[in-house]
């Protein structure tokens, strides 16, 4: 069995075992998960910190060693990257404020975050989420009532029509 196959099988098996344990184990195991999660995050970030510079270095050395230096292909690649970066940055500057304007931010939560008081900010955000959920429930009830009224009207129309 090749190394690639073994790695992919290990990843799939780890995913399956993790999902099975998440559904089978009692809620008391959440404490273990919260303790182990930072270690997993550190491991993932350490891998990224090691692998990304190696990949970028490999790309640069591959392009530069492919003949007489950077050449036309490298220049086109750098130009494409610069143009893409400028287009995405411009689109972000235009689109992000409109999207962020759609997200209501509680001023008290924003002040608490600026002061570094995360617990107070979370409390304010929790209150806002509960209010949004209550509003969504009210809208859902109104839609259900309107649907029921429409179905009742259609049923009465069908009963009133000669068959």
Protein backbone atom coordinates (compact mmCIF):
# COMPACT_ATOMS: atom_id res chain seq x y z
CA UNK A 1 0.00 0.00 0.00
CA UNK A 2 1.44 3.37 -1.01
CA UNK A 3 2.17 6.15 1.44
CA UNK A 4 -0.49 8.37 -0.14
CA UNK A 5 -3.15 5.70 0.32
CA UNK A 6 -2.16 5.16 3.95
CA UNK A 7 -2.26 8.90 4.68
CA UNK A 8 -5.68 9.31 3.07
CA UNK A 9 -7.04 6.25 4.89
CA UNK A 10 -5.70 7.63 8.17
CA UNK A 11 -7.35 11.00 7.54
CA UNK A 12 -10.67 9.36 6.64
CA UNK A 13 -10.52 7.01 9.63
CA UNK A 14 -9.68 9.89 11.99
CA UNK A 15 -12.60 11.91 10.64
CA UNK A 16 -15.00 8.96 11.01
CA UNK A 17 -13.85 8.17 14.56
CA UNK A 18 -14.08 11.82 15.55
CA UNK A 19 -17.60 12.15 14.19
CA UNK A 20 -18.67 8.89 15.86
CA UNK A 21 -17.24 9.95 19.21
CA UNK A 22 -18.89 13.37 18.95
CA UNK A 23 -22.31 11.73 18.56
CA UNK A 24 -21.85 8.86 21.04
CA UNK A 25 -20.00 10.40 23.98
CA UNK A 26 -21.93 12.24 26.70
CA UNK A 27 -21.83 16.00 27.06
CA UNK A 28 -19.33 15.71 29.92
CA UNK A 29 -16.64 14.98 27.31
CA UNK A 30 -17.04 18.54 26.00
CA UNK A 31 -14.65 19.58 28.78
CA UNK A 32 -11.97 17.31 27.32
CA UNK A 33 -12.59 18.75 23.87
CA UNK A 34 -12.21 22.32 25.11
CA UNK A 35 -8.93 21.40 26.81
CA UNK A 36 -7.51 19.58 23.76
CA UNK A 37 -8.70 22.11 21.16
CA UNK A 38 -5.91 24.66 21.78
CA UNK A 39 -3.32 21.91 21.32
CA UNK A 40 -4.83 21.01 17.95
CA UNK A 41 -4.88 24.66 16.95
CA UNK A 42 -1.22 25.04 17.92
CA UNK A 43 -0.32 21.92 15.92
CA UNK A 44 -2.16 23.15 12.83
CA UNK A 45 -0.64 26.62 13.02
CA UNK A 46 2.85 25.12 13.51
CA UNK A 47 2.37 23.03 10.38
CA UNK A 48 1.22 26.08 8.44
CA UNK A 49 4.13 28.10 9.76
CA UNK A 50 6.53 25.41 8.53
CA UNK A 51 4.94 24.32 5.25
CA UNK A 52 3.86 27.65 3.74
CA UNK A 53 7.36 29.21 3.63
CA UNK A 54 8.71 25.98 2.12
CA UNK A 55 6.09 25.98 -0.63
CA UNK A 56 6.60 29.66 -1.44
CA UNK A 57 10.38 29.18 -1.53
CA UNK A 58 9.96 26.17 -3.80
CA UNK A 59 7.79 28.19 -6.18
CA UNK A 60 10.26 31.08 -6.30
CA UNK A 61 13.27 28.85 -6.86
CA UNK A 62 11.40 26.84 -9.49
CA UNK A 63 10.50 29.95 -11.47
CA UNK A 64 13.92 31.56 -11.13
CA UNK A 65 15.86 28.40 -12.05
CA UNK A 66 13.81 27.68 -15.17
CA UNK A 67 16.25 29.43 -17.45
CA UNK A 68 17.52 32.97 -17.62
CA UNK A 69 16.12 34.32 -14.37
CA UNK A 70 12.59 35.59 -13.98
CA UNK A 71 11.85 35.73 -17.68
CA UNK A 72 8.57 36.52 -19.40
CA UNK A 73 6.56 33.84 -17.58
CA UNK A 74 7.63 35.11 -14.18
CA UNK A 75 6.94 38.71 -15.14
CA UNK A 76 3.45 37.80 -16.35
CA UNK A 77 2.85 35.88 -13.11
CA UNK A 78 3.87 38.83 -10.97
CA UNK A 79 1.79 41.21 -13.11
CA UNK A 80 -1.24 38.92 -12.85
CA UNK A 81 -0.80 38.74 -9.08
CA UNK A 82 -0.55 42.53 -8.74
CA UNK A 83 -3.59 43.15 -10.94
CA UNK A 84 -5.64 40.50 -9.13
CA UNK A 85 -4.67 41.96 -5.77
CA UNK A 86 -5.68 45.47 -6.87
CA UNK A 87 -9.04 44.28 -8.26
CA UNK A 88 -9.90 42.28 -5.13
CA UNK A 89 -8.82 45.14 -2.84
CA UNK A 90 -10.97 47.61 -4.80
CA UNK A 91 -13.97 45.29 -4.78
CA UNK A 92 -13.56 44.78 -1.04
CA UNK A 93 -13.45 48.53 -0.46
CA UNK A 94 -16.69 48.92 -2.40
CA UNK A 95 -18.61 45.88 -1.18
CA UNK A 96 -17.53 45.43 2.46
CA UNK A 97 -19.09 48.64 3.85
CA UNK A 98 -22.46 47.77 2.29
CA UNK A 99 -22.37 44.26 3.74
CA UNK A 100 -21.20 45.44 7.16
CA UNK A 101 -24.00 48.02 7.21
CA UNK A 102 -26.46 45.10 7.14
CA UNK A 103 -25.03 43.69 10.38
CA UNK A 104 -26.38 45.48 13.44
CA UNK A 105 -23.75 46.12 16.09
CA UNK A 106 -24.81 46.87 19.63
CA UNK A 107 -22.99 50.08 20.69
CA UNK A 108 -22.56 48.77 24.24
CA UNK A 109 -20.91 45.60 22.93
CA UNK A 110 -18.61 47.64 20.67
CA UNK A 111 -17.57 49.84 23.61
CA UNK A 112 -16.95 46.78 25.77
CA UNK A 113 -14.74 45.26 23.06
CA UNK A 114 -12.78 48.50 22.71
CA UNK A 115 -12.21 48.44 26.48
CA UNK A 116 -11.09 44.80 26.33
CA UNK A 117 -14.05 43.53 28.35
CA UNK A 118 -14.91 40.44 26.34
CA UNK A 119 -17.36 38.98 28.88
CA UNK A 120 -19.54 42.11 28.83
CA UNK A 121 -19.41 42.23 25.03
CA UNK A 122 -20.50 38.59 24.83
CA UNK A 123 -23.38 39.31 27.21
CA UNK A 124 -24.55 42.22 25.04
CA UNK A 125 -24.18 40.16 21.88
CA UNK A 126 -26.11 37.31 23.51
CA UNK A 127 -28.98 39.67 24.30
CA UNK A 128 -28.98 40.91 20.69
CA UNK A 129 -29.00 37.33 19.38
CA UNK A 130 -31.93 36.44 21.63
CA UNK A 131 -33.85 39.49 20.42
CA UNK A 132 -33.12 38.55 16.79
CA UNK A 133 -34.25 34.97 17.43
CA UNK A 134 -37.47 36.20 19.03
CA UNK A 135 -38.12 38.44 16.03
CA UNK A 136 -37.45 35.53 13.66
CA UNK A 137 -39.90 33.36 15.65
CA UNK A 138 -42.56 36.07 15.42
CA UNK A 139 -42.07 36.34 11.66
CA UNK A 140 -42.28 32.55 11.30
CA UNK A 141 -45.54 32.49 13.29
CA UNK A 142 -46.99 35.27 11.13
CA UNK A 143 -46.03 33.44 7.94
CA UNK A 144 -47.55 30.20 9.25
CA UNK A 145 -50.77 32.02 10.18
CA UNK A 146 -50.95 33.63 6.73
CA UNK A 147 -50.39 30.25 5.06
CA UNK A 148 -53.10 28.67 7.18
CA UNK A 149 -55.51 31.49 6.32
CA UNK A 150 -54.75 31.12 2.62
CA UNK A 151 -55.28 27.35 2.77
CA UNK A 152 -58.57 27.84 4.62
CA UNK A 153 -59.73 30.36 2.00
CA UNK A 154 -58.80 27.97 -0.81
CA UNK A 155 -60.65 25.12 0.92
CA UNK A 156 -63.76 27.22 1.38
CA UNK A 157 -63.61 28.29 -2.29
CA UNK A 158 -63.42 24.66 -3.33
CA UNK A 159 -66.40 23.76 -1.12
CA UNK A 160 -68.46 26.65 -2.51
CA UNK A 161 -67.87 25.67 -6.15
CA UNK A 162 -70.39 23.36 -7.79
CA UNK A 163 -68.90 19.96 -8.37
